[in-house]
Amino acid sequence: MNLLVVCILVYVLLQLAIGYWASRGIKTEQDYLLAGRNLGPGLTLFTVFATWFGAETCVGSAGEAYAGGLAAVTTDPFGYALGILVAGLFFAAPLWRRKLTTLADLFRERYGVGVERLAAILMVPTSLLWAAAQIRAFGQVLTASSDLEVNVAITVATAVVVIYTTLGGMLADALSDLLQGVVLIVGLVALGAIVLVAGGGWEKLGALSGEATRLVPAGQPWLATLEAWAIPVLGTVAAQEMISRIISARSPTIASRATVGASFLYLAVGLIPVGIGLVGPQLVGALEHPEQVLMHVAQQNLGTVLYIVFVGALVSAILSTVNSALLVAGALTAHNLVIPLMPRMDERHRLRFDRAAVVVFGLVAYVLALTSEGVYALVEEASSLGSAGVLVCMLFALWGRRIGSAASAIAALVAGIAVYVGGQHLFELPYPYLTSLAAAFCAYLVAAPFGIRHSGQDRAGVAIRNPGS
């Protein structure tokens, strides 16, 4: 076992210690899932940044830029940075004021329990794909840093992240994100300064051909460009991972401003692995696995201490994101699907269900990580799968409360997922996400005259006030 692996293990143990320390103060489900809704501006900014700045932003985007140039990284970091900005400007404050625990709670208030459960079922796979991407990337980091085979490394990574996530909760996640965010920025800035500034990387970037540095491929139809940008932007807005951070803030002002700040930090730091990936062919030559380009460049250009810091940065990015994804999958399943069936369950048993769900979904994400083609593909699929219908229902729940009913929401959710899966995997439509978005919107409006508009109920069937109506 080399020094680097030992340092990785020590760093992971530190994260586990943070999770254990924070878990001692968890008494209720709200504490576990939302940190008691008490995150300040610094923790909110870093938890949004670190959660979204995952393996695909480091390992995935560098590999895509290495293999396909700048046009291959439209999704990340550019699309996701814009999505975080939109979420902060337009959605953070309205969602915070609803006092939700999950996005599915909004659908229960607006459309009823049936829509809440359907939406939760459709959102869980998104979080699982996101978690699988991080686990796969963790395996790539371990493989590049040791003699472990990829599948063995992914297995080790799964064990680590499942234990880490089960121990933690939102508060542990936010505290870890602060540490992880600082390590991440230091590690990537150090690598960028050495490779792109001191190592002549800027000159190499300037020498690239116009096609390699073109953000939009020449001759690409405008609908294809819109599709490429819509997936990360709209997928981010409708993601439970984003919403859980927004509603964990102390106030709507903190939620909005911290999220906007995180978008600019995300873009600034995210451009570093993209730049390294673009000059990667000149630095490391041909690679069997493009996703390992960042690791190879770091190995060649950093000394032992800085390389350990850099690997710590990658581990930080992965742990912060996979924690959030598994926590969300567990929350949607336990809070919105299982616990409502047992209304007399006390808080202690609720927490057990939440943690058990995290373990189960960690194992499912492990299987997905073993069978996937790559980190970047997993994340893009996570952003687009089912998010069209969820987004449409969310928009009408927030700003179109007099339009539509439970029938509208069900129609939109079913149409969105069915059209996307059919268009992407069966009929190979050219623009499956835009098509699914249009289908969900039309289905919602077509079904609007049918059914009775829901006035809002709690889980016991008692009418509640619909905020803002």
Protein backbone atom coordinates (compact mmCIF):
# COMPACT_ATOMS: atom_id res chain seq x y z
CA MET A 1 0.00 0.00 0.00
CA ASN A 2 1.64 3.26 -1.13
CA LEU A 3 1.67 6.61 0.65
CA LEU A 4 -1.07 8.04 -1.56
CA VAL A 5 -3.53 5.25 -0.75
CA VAL A 6 -2.77 5.66 2.95
CA CYS A 7 -3.49 9.41 2.69
CA ILE A 8 -6.76 8.71 0.85
CA LEU A 9 -7.80 6.33 3.61
CA VAL A 10 -6.90 8.88 6.29
CA TYR A 11 -8.91 11.55 4.44
CA VAL A 12 -11.90 9.23 4.16
CA LEU A 13 -11.66 8.38 7.86
CA LEU A 14 -11.74 12.12 8.60
CA GLN A 15 -14.96 12.42 6.63
CA LEU A 16 -16.41 9.47 8.51
CA ALA A 17 -15.44 11.13 11.78
CA ILE A 18 -17.26 14.32 10.76
CA GLY A 19 -20.30 12.29 9.84
CA TYR A 20 -20.25 10.44 13.15
CA TRP A 21 -19.82 13.65 15.16
CA ALA A 22 -22.72 15.35 13.37
CA SER A 23 -24.93 12.26 13.62
CA ARG A 24 -24.91 12.47 17.42
CA GLY A 25 -27.09 15.59 17.23
CA ILE A 26 -29.64 14.05 14.86
CA LYS A 27 -32.91 13.51 16.72
CA THR A 28 -35.58 13.88 14.04
CA GLU A 29 -36.07 13.18 10.36
CA GLN A 30 -35.87 16.93 9.71
CA ASP A 31 -32.44 17.00 11.38
CA TYR A 32 -31.24 14.12 9.24
CA LEU A 33 -32.61 15.28 5.88
CA LEU A 34 -32.47 19.10 6.19
CA ALA A 35 -30.00 19.94 9.00
CA GLY A 36 -32.86 21.49 10.96
CA ARG A 37 -33.28 24.12 8.19
CA ASN A 38 -30.49 26.13 9.80
CA LEU A 39 -27.63 26.37 7.28
CA GLY A 40 -25.97 29.80 7.06
CA PRO A 41 -24.68 31.48 3.87
CA GLY A 42 -21.22 29.89 3.90
CA LEU A 43 -22.42 26.33 4.45
CA THR A 44 -25.25 26.77 1.94
CA LEU A 45 -22.90 28.11 -0.76
CA PHE A 46 -20.35 25.35 -0.30
CA THR A 47 -22.90 22.55 -0.01
CA VAL A 48 -24.51 23.63 -3.32
CA PHE A 49 -21.11 24.00 -4.98
CA ALA A 50 -19.61 20.76 -3.63
CA THR A 51 -22.75 18.71 -4.26
CA TRP A 52 -22.97 19.75 -7.91
CA PHE A 53 -19.21 19.76 -8.48
CA GLY A 54 -18.96 16.01 -8.71
CA ALA A 55 -16.97 13.39 -10.53
CA GLU A 56 -18.36 14.37 -13.92
CA THR A 57 -17.05 17.93 -13.48
CA CYS A 58 -13.53 16.68 -12.77
CA VAL A 59 -13.00 13.21 -14.20
CA GLY A 60 -15.84 13.22 -16.72
CA SER A 61 -15.49 16.67 -18.28
CA ALA A 62 -11.69 16.37 -18.54
CA GLY A 63 -12.11 13.03 -20.32
CA GLU A 64 -14.78 14.38 -22.66
CA ALA A 65 -12.70 17.46 -23.50
CA TYR A 66 -9.69 15.17 -24.11
CA ALA A 67 -11.67 12.98 -26.51
CA GLY A 68 -14.02 15.45 -28.20
CA GLY A 69 -12.90 19.03 -27.59
CA LEU A 70 -14.84 21.88 -26.04
CA ALA A 71 -18.08 21.00 -27.82
CA ALA A 72 -18.19 17.74 -25.85
CA VAL A 73 -18.47 19.56 -22.50
CA THR A 74 -21.51 21.76 -23.09
CA THR A 75 -23.28 19.99 -20.25
CA ASP A 76 -20.55 20.44 -17.68
CA PRO A 77 -19.46 22.93 -16.47
CA PHE A 78 -21.36 25.44 -18.63
CA GLY A 79 -24.86 23.98 -18.55
CA TYR A 80 -24.86 23.08 -14.88
CA ALA A 81 -23.45 26.46 -13.85
CA LEU A 82 -26.33 28.13 -15.70
CA GLY A 83 -28.81 25.73 -14.12
CA ILE A 84 -27.58 26.58 -10.61
CA LEU A 85 -27.86 30.29 -11.43
CA VAL A 86 -31.46 29.90 -12.65
CA ALA A 87 -32.35 27.88 -9.55
CA GLY A 88 -30.93 30.58 -7.28
CA LEU A 89 -32.54 33.52 -9.08
CA PHE A 90 -36.05 32.18 -9.67
CA PHE A 91 -36.74 29.06 -7.60
CA ALA A 92 -34.83 29.23 -4.32
CA ALA A 93 -37.02 31.69 -2.41
CA PRO A 94 -40.44 30.33 -3.55
CA LEU A 95 -39.42 26.76 -2.72
CA TRP A 96 -37.95 27.72 0.66
CA ARG A 97 -41.15 29.47 1.72
CA ARG A 98 -43.11 26.24 1.17
CA LYS A 99 -41.37 24.57 4.14
CA LEU A 100 -40.96 21.33 2.21
CA THR A 101 -38.90 18.27 3.10
CA THR A 102 -38.71 16.94 -0.46
CA LEU A 103 -39.97 18.17 -3.83
CA ALA A 104 -42.58 15.41 -3.72
CA ASP A 105 -44.13 17.24 -0.74
CA LEU A 106 -44.92 20.15 -3.06
CA PHE A 107 -46.79 17.79 -5.33
CA ARG A 108 -48.78 16.38 -2.41
CA GLU A 109 -49.85 19.89 -1.36
CA ARG A 110 -50.81 20.89 -4.90
CA TYR A 111 -52.04 17.67 -6.50
CA GLY A 112 -52.58 15.06 -3.79
CA VAL A 113 -50.93 11.96 -2.32
CA GLY A 114 -51.12 9.92 -5.53
CA VAL A 115 -49.05 12.44 -7.47
CA GLU A 116 -46.60 12.73 -4.57
CA ARG A 117 -45.91 8.99 -4.71
CA LEU A 118 -45.68 8.81 -8.49
CA ALA A 119 -43.24 11.73 -8.57
CA ALA A 120 -41.09 10.16 -5.86
CA ILE A 121 -40.93 6.89 -7.77
CA LEU A 122 -39.84 8.72 -10.94
CA MET A 123 -37.21 10.86 -9.17
CA VAL A 124 -35.41 8.05 -7.35
CA PRO A 125 -33.71 6.63 -10.50
CA THR A 126 -32.20 10.06 -11.23
CA SER A 127 -30.44 10.09 -7.87
CA LEU A 128 -29.30 6.49 -8.32
CA LEU A 129 -27.70 7.29 -11.68
CA TRP A 130 -25.99 10.31 -10.15
CA ALA A 131 -24.67 8.22 -7.26
CA ALA A 132 -23.47 5.52 -9.66
CA ALA A 133 -21.48 8.11 -11.60
CA GLN A 134 -19.68 9.22 -8.45
CA ILE A 135 -18.95 5.65 -7.34
CA ARG A 136 -17.53 4.82 -10.75
CA ALA A 137 -15.34 7.93 -10.65
CA PHE A 138 -14.11 7.02 -7.16
CA GLY A 139 -13.12 3.65 -8.58
CA GLN A 140 -11.21 5.39 -11.38
CA VAL A 141 -9.31 7.49 -8.83
CA LEU A 142 -8.38 4.43 -6.79
CA THR A 143 -7.33 2.55 -9.95
CA ALA A 144 -5.07 5.37 -11.10
CA SER A 145 -3.56 5.68 -7.61
CA SER A 146 -2.95 2.00 -6.86
CA ASP A 147 -2.69 -1.47 -8.39
CA LEU A 148 -6.40 -2.20 -7.95
CA GLU A 149 -8.48 -3.30 -10.94
CA VAL A 150 -11.39 -1.01 -11.87
CA ASN A 151 -14.13 -3.38 -10.65
CA VAL A 152 -12.33 -4.01 -7.35
CA ALA A 153 -11.78 -0.28 -6.90
CA ILE A 154 -15.48 0.42 -7.56
CA THR A 155 -16.39 -2.19 -4.92
CA VAL A 156 -14.12 -0.53 -2.36
CA ALA A 157 -15.53 2.89 -3.31
CA THR A 158 -19.09 1.65 -2.79
CA ALA A 159 -18.35 0.37 0.70
CA VAL A 160 -16.78 3.70 1.68
CA VAL A 161 -19.53 5.96 0.35
CA VAL A 162 -22.40 3.85 1.71
CA ILE A 163 -20.93 3.89 5.23
CA TYR A 164 -20.14 7.61 4.95
CA THR A 165 -23.65 8.50 3.78
CA THR A 166 -25.48 6.29 6.27
CA LEU A 167 -23.61 7.84 9.19
CA GLY A 168 -24.19 11.42 8.08
CA GLY A 169 -27.24 13.41 7.13
CA MET A 170 -27.59 16.92 5.79
CA LEU A 171 -25.65 18.62 8.59
CA ALA A 172 -22.75 16.19 8.29
CA ASP A 173 -22.94 16.60 4.52
CA ALA A 174 -22.82 20.40 4.76
CA LEU A 175 -19.91 20.41 7.23
CA SER A 176 -18.00 17.95 5.07
CA ASP A 177 -18.80 19.99 1.97
CA LEU A 178 -17.11 23.01 3.52
CA LEU A 179 -13.91 21.03 4.06
CA GLN A 180 -14.25 19.22 0.75
CA GLY A 181 -14.91 22.44 -1.15
CA VAL A 182 -11.76 24.08 0.18
CA VAL A 183 -9.62 21.00 -0.59
CA LEU A 184 -11.20 20.74 -4.03
CA ILE A 185 -10.47 24.35 -4.95
CA VAL A 186 -6.89 24.19 -3.62
CA GLY A 187 -6.16 20.94 -5.46
CA LEU A 188 -7.54 22.03 -8.83
CA VAL A 189 -6.06 25.53 -8.65
CA ALA A 190 -2.65 24.02 -7.85
CA LEU A 191 -2.86 21.66 -10.83
CA GLY A 192 -4.16 24.41 -13.12
CA ALA A 193 -1.41 26.83 -12.07
CA ILE A 194 1.33 24.29 -12.74
CA VAL A 195 -0.02 22.83 -15.98
CA LEU A 196 -1.75 25.81 -17.60
CA VAL A 197 0.36 28.70 -16.29
CA ALA A 198 3.87 27.50 -15.39
CA GLY A 199 3.84 24.50 -17.74
CA GLY A 200 2.95 26.34 -20.92
CA GLY A 201 -0.63 25.11 -21.08
CA TRP A 202 -1.94 28.46 -22.27
CA GLU A 203 0.30 28.28 -25.34
CA LYS A 204 -0.88 24.73 -26.03
CA LEU A 205 -4.51 25.86 -25.75
CA GLY A 206 -3.85 28.68 -28.19
CA ALA A 207 -2.34 26.23 -30.65
CA LEU A 208 -5.42 24.00 -30.76
CA SER A 209 -7.51 23.92 -33.92
CA GLY A 210 -10.70 25.94 -34.15
CA GLU A 211 -12.88 22.82 -34.06
CA ALA A 212 -11.36 21.62 -30.78
CA THR A 213 -12.13 24.95 -29.10
CA ARG A 214 -15.57 25.52 -30.63
CA LEU A 215 -18.33 25.45 -27.99
CA VAL A 216 -20.96 24.55 -30.59
CA PRO A 217 -19.91 22.17 -33.40
CA ALA A 218 -19.96 23.69 -36.87
CA GLY A 219 -23.20 22.95 -38.68
CA GLN A 220 -25.02 21.63 -35.62
CA PRO A 221 -28.79 22.26 -35.83
CA TRP A 222 -30.12 24.82 -33.36
CA LEU A 223 -32.45 22.23 -31.85
CA ALA A 224 -29.47 20.00 -31.07
CA THR A 225 -27.79 22.93 -29.33
CA LEU A 226 -30.95 23.68 -27.38
CA GLU A 227 -31.22 20.00 -26.39
CA ALA A 228 -27.62 19.97 -25.13
CA TRP A 229 -28.21 23.03 -22.93
CA ALA A 230 -31.75 22.19 -21.79
CA ILE A 231 -30.75 18.89 -20.17
CA PRO A 232 -28.33 20.30 -17.56
CA VAL A 233 -30.16 23.61 -17.00
CA LEU A 234 -33.68 22.27 -16.57
CA GLY A 235 -32.50 19.04 -14.99
CA THR A 236 -30.71 21.06 -12.31
CA VAL A 237 -33.77 23.19 -11.55
CA ALA A 238 -35.94 20.09 -11.07
CA ALA A 239 -33.34 18.06 -9.10
CA GLN A 240 -34.15 17.07 -5.53
CA GLU A 241 -30.42 17.32 -4.69
CA MET A 242 -30.53 21.04 -5.47
CA ILE A 243 -33.86 21.65 -3.76
CA SER A 244 -32.81 19.88 -0.56
CA ARG A 245 -29.92 22.32 -0.18
CA ILE A 246 -32.11 25.33 -0.91
CA ILE A 247 -34.70 24.41 1.71
CA SER A 248 -32.01 23.59 4.30
CA ALA A 249 -30.91 27.25 4.39
CA ARG A 250 -31.78 29.50 7.31
CA SER A 251 -33.80 31.99 5.23
CA PRO A 252 -35.03 32.52 1.65
CA THR A 253 -32.48 35.30 1.15
CA ILE A 254 -29.61 33.00 2.12
CA ALA A 255 -31.02 30.24 -0.08
CA SER A 256 -31.15 32.51 -3.13
CA ARG A 257 -27.90 34.45 -2.74
CA ALA A 258 -25.79 31.45 -1.73
CA THR A 259 -27.05 29.43 -4.70
CA VAL A 260 -26.27 32.26 -7.13
CA GLY A 261 -22.78 32.58 -5.62
CA ALA A 262 -22.26 28.83 -5.97
CA SER A 263 -23.03 29.02 -9.71
CA PHE A 264 -20.17 31.46 -10.36
CA LEU A 265 -17.76 29.48 -8.18
CA TYR A 266 -18.80 26.31 -10.00
CA LEU A 267 -18.03 27.74 -13.42
CA ALA A 268 -14.69 29.27 -12.40
CA VAL A 269 -13.36 26.06 -10.85
CA GLY A 270 -14.98 23.82 -13.46
CA LEU A 271 -13.05 25.42 -16.31
CA ILE A 272 -9.77 24.08 -14.91
CA PRO A 273 -10.31 20.35 -15.69
CA VAL A 274 -11.78 21.33 -19.08
CA GLY A 275 -8.63 23.25 -19.97
CA ILE A 276 -6.42 20.37 -18.85
CA GLY A 277 -8.49 17.91 -20.87
CA LEU A 278 -8.14 20.03 -24.01
CA VAL A 279 -4.34 19.96 -23.82
CA GLY A 280 -4.29 16.40 -22.48
CA PRO A 281 -3.40 14.72 -25.83
CA GLN A 282 -0.26 16.87 -26.01
CA LEU A 283 0.66 16.12 -22.40
CA VAL A 284 0.01 12.39 -21.97
CA GLY A 285 -0.56 11.06 -25.50
CA ALA A 286 -3.14 8.35 -26.23
CA LEU A 287 -5.02 6.80 -23.30
CA GLU A 288 -7.16 3.68 -23.20
CA HIS A 289 -9.53 5.33 -20.71
CA PRO A 290 -9.98 9.08 -21.43
CA GLU A 291 -11.57 9.53 -17.98
CA GLN A 292 -8.11 9.01 -16.44
CA VAL A 293 -6.49 11.97 -18.26
CA LEU A 294 -6.73 14.27 -15.24
CA MET A 295 -5.01 11.71 -13.02
CA HIS A 296 -2.22 11.11 -15.53
CA VAL A 297 -1.58 14.84 -16.00
CA ALA A 298 -1.46 15.31 -12.24
CA GLN A 299 0.94 12.41 -11.78
CA GLN A 300 3.34 13.88 -14.33
CA ASN A 301 3.24 17.48 -13.10
CA LEU A 302 2.72 17.49 -9.35
CA GLY A 303 5.10 16.60 -6.58
CA THR A 304 4.13 14.10 -3.92
CA VAL A 305 2.53 16.58 -1.52
CA LEU A 306 0.55 18.47 -4.18
CA TYR A 307 -0.50 15.23 -5.84
CA ILE A 308 -1.89 13.97 -2.55
CA VAL A 309 -3.79 17.26 -2.16
CA PHE A 310 -5.09 16.89 -5.71
CA VAL A 311 -6.32 13.34 -5.14
CA GLY A 312 -7.93 14.58 -1.95
CA ALA A 313 -9.72 17.15 -4.11
CA LEU A 314 -11.12 14.45 -6.39
CA VAL A 315 -12.20 12.35 -3.42
CA SER A 316 -13.84 15.48 -1.97
CA ALA A 317 -15.83 16.08 -5.15
CA ILE A 318 -16.98 12.48 -5.25
CA LEU A 319 -17.91 12.06 -1.58
CA SER A 320 -19.90 15.29 -1.41
CA THR A 321 -21.98 14.40 -4.44
CA VAL A 322 -22.61 10.73 -3.77
CA ASN A 323 -23.63 11.54 -0.20
CA SER A 324 -26.28 13.91 -1.50
CA ALA A 325 -27.56 11.55 -4.20
CA LEU A 326 -28.00 8.58 -1.88
CA LEU A 327 -29.52 10.79 0.82
CA VAL A 328 -32.09 12.06 -1.69
CA ALA A 329 -32.97 8.57 -2.93
CA GLY A 330 -33.45 7.45 0.65
CA ALA A 331 -35.50 10.53 1.55
CA LEU A 332 -37.89 10.17 -1.38
CA THR A 333 -38.43 6.49 -0.67
CA ALA A 334 -38.68 6.60 3.10
CA HIS A 335 -40.30 10.02 3.62
CA ASN A 336 -42.71 10.01 0.67
CA LEU A 337 -43.40 6.30 0.04
CA VAL A 338 -42.87 4.12 3.12
CA ILE A 339 -43.34 6.27 6.22
CA PRO A 340 -46.75 7.71 5.13
CA LEU A 341 -48.10 4.15 5.18
CA MET A 342 -47.26 3.98 8.91
CA PRO A 343 -48.42 7.32 10.35
CA ARG A 344 -47.84 6.26 13.97
CA MET A 345 -44.14 5.59 13.43
CA ASP A 346 -41.94 7.51 15.88
CA GLU A 347 -38.88 9.58 14.91
CA ARG A 348 -36.40 6.87 15.90
CA HIS A 349 -37.93 4.39 13.48
CA ARG A 350 -38.22 7.05 10.78
CA LEU A 351 -34.48 7.62 10.99
CA ARG A 352 -33.89 3.88 10.73
CA PHE A 353 -35.96 3.72 7.57
CA ASP A 354 -34.08 6.68 6.08
CA ARG A 355 -30.71 5.08 6.77
CA ALA A 356 -31.79 1.63 5.60
CA ALA A 357 -32.95 3.13 2.31
CA VAL A 358 -29.53 4.72 1.84
CA VAL A 359 -27.84 1.33 2.20
CA VAL A 360 -30.18 -0.37 -0.26
CA PHE A 361 -29.78 2.34 -2.89
CA GLY A 362 -26.03 2.34 -2.39
CA LEU A 363 -25.97 -1.30 -3.50
CA VAL A 364 -28.18 -0.53 -6.51
CA ALA A 365 -25.86 2.35 -7.49
CA TYR A 366 -22.93 -0.08 -7.21
CA VAL A 367 -24.48 -2.37 -9.83
CA LEU A 368 -25.12 0.60 -12.13
CA ALA A 369 -21.52 1.79 -11.70
CA LEU A 370 -20.18 -1.63 -12.72
CA THR A 371 -22.32 -1.85 -15.85
CA SER A 372 -22.13 1.76 -17.11
CA GLU A 373 -20.13 3.00 -20.08
CA GLY A 374 -18.74 6.10 -18.37
CA VAL A 375 -19.17 8.82 -15.79
CA TYR A 376 -20.29 11.57 -18.16
CA ALA A 377 -22.96 9.40 -19.81
CA LEU A 378 -24.40 8.44 -16.43
CA VAL A 379 -24.74 12.05 -15.33
CA GLU A 380 -26.36 13.20 -18.56
CA GLU A 381 -28.88 10.36 -18.29
CA ALA A 382 -29.54 11.32 -14.66
CA SER A 383 -30.31 14.92 -15.62
CA SER A 384 -32.76 14.02 -18.35
CA LEU A 385 -34.54 10.89 -17.10
CA GLY A 386 -37.99 11.91 -15.87
CA SER A 387 -37.08 15.53 -15.19
CA ALA A 388 -39.35 16.94 -17.94
CA GLY A 389 -42.60 15.92 -16.24
CA VAL A 390 -41.29 16.88 -12.80
CA LEU A 391 -40.32 20.33 -14.06
CA VAL A 392 -43.70 20.97 -15.69
CA CYS A 393 -45.57 19.95 -12.53
CA MET A 394 -43.28 22.10 -10.39
CA LEU A 395 -43.81 25.18 -12.57
CA PHE A 396 -47.59 24.89 -12.39
CA ALA A 397 -47.49 24.10 -8.65
CA LEU A 398 -45.52 27.29 -7.96
CA TRP A 399 -46.97 29.75 -10.48
CA GLY A 400 -50.03 28.17 -12.10
CA ARG A 401 -52.09 27.00 -9.15
CA ARG A 402 -55.41 27.65 -10.87
CA ILE A 403 -54.48 25.50 -13.86
CA GLY A 404 -54.63 21.73 -13.77
CA SER A 405 -55.38 18.98 -11.29
CA ALA A 406 -54.04 15.62 -10.19
CA ALA A 407 -55.02 14.27 -13.61
CA SER A 408 -52.86 16.94 -15.26
CA ALA A 409 -49.86 16.13 -13.09
CA ILE A 410 -50.13 12.38 -13.65
CA ALA A 411 -50.46 12.91 -17.39
CA ALA A 412 -47.38 15.15 -17.46
CA LEU A 413 -45.26 12.79 -15.36
CA VAL A 414 -46.20 9.72 -17.37
CA ALA A 415 -45.85 11.46 -20.74
CA GLY A 416 -42.49 12.94 -19.81
CA ILE A 417 -40.87 9.68 -18.76
CA ALA A 418 -42.52 7.55 -21.47
CA VAL A 419 -41.58 9.87 -24.33
CA TYR A 420 -38.02 10.30 -23.08
CA VAL A 421 -37.35 6.58 -22.59
CA GLY A 422 -39.00 5.74 -25.91
CA GLY A 423 -37.26 8.53 -27.79
CA GLN A 424 -33.82 7.92 -26.27
CA HIS A 425 -33.65 4.13 -26.06
CA LEU A 426 -36.25 2.68 -28.45
CA PHE A 427 -36.85 5.01 -31.38
CA GLU A 428 -33.63 7.05 -31.19
CA LEU A 429 -35.34 10.40 -31.71
CA PRO A 430 -32.90 13.26 -32.46
CA TYR A 431 -34.07 15.43 -29.55
CA PRO A 432 -35.54 13.10 -26.89
CA TYR A 433 -35.40 15.54 -23.98
CA LEU A 434 -37.04 18.46 -25.78
CA THR A 435 -39.64 16.07 -27.15
CA SER A 436 -40.38 14.74 -23.66
CA LEU A 437 -40.62 18.29 -22.30
CA ALA A 438 -43.11 19.28 -25.00
CA ALA A 439 -45.08 16.08 -24.42
CA ALA A 440 -45.26 16.67 -20.66
CA PHE A 441 -46.39 20.27 -21.10
CA CYS A 442 -49.06 19.36 -23.66
CA ALA A 443 -50.28 16.41 -21.57
CA TYR A 444 -50.67 18.68 -18.55
CA LEU A 445 -52.76 21.21 -20.46
CA VAL A 446 -54.85 18.59 -22.28
CA ALA A 447 -55.77 16.91 -18.98
CA ALA A 448 -56.38 20.24 -17.19
CA PRO A 449 -60.18 20.31 -17.76
CA PHE A 450 -60.53 16.86 -16.22
CA GLY A 451 -60.56 16.03 -12.53
CA ILE A 452 -61.03 18.24 -9.50
CA ARG A 453 -58.35 20.76 -8.60
CA HIS A 454 -56.69 19.68 -5.36
CA SER A 455 -57.02 22.18 -2.50
CA GLY A 456 -54.19 20.62 -0.53
CA GLN A 457 -54.21 17.88 2.10
CA ASP A 458 -51.86 16.56 4.66
CA ARG A 459 -51.18 12.83 4.85
CA ALA A 460 -54.14 12.28 7.14
CA GLY A 461 -56.49 13.79 4.56
CA VAL A 462 -57.04 17.07 6.42
CA ALA A 463 -57.31 20.17 4.22
CA ILE A 464 -54.37 22.54 4.50
CA ARG A 465 -53.72 26.07 3.35
CA ASN A 466 -52.16 26.26 -0.11
CA PRO A 467 -49.52 29.01 0.29
CA GLY A 468 -49.90 31.87 -2.14
CA SER A 469 -53.25 30.79 -3.52
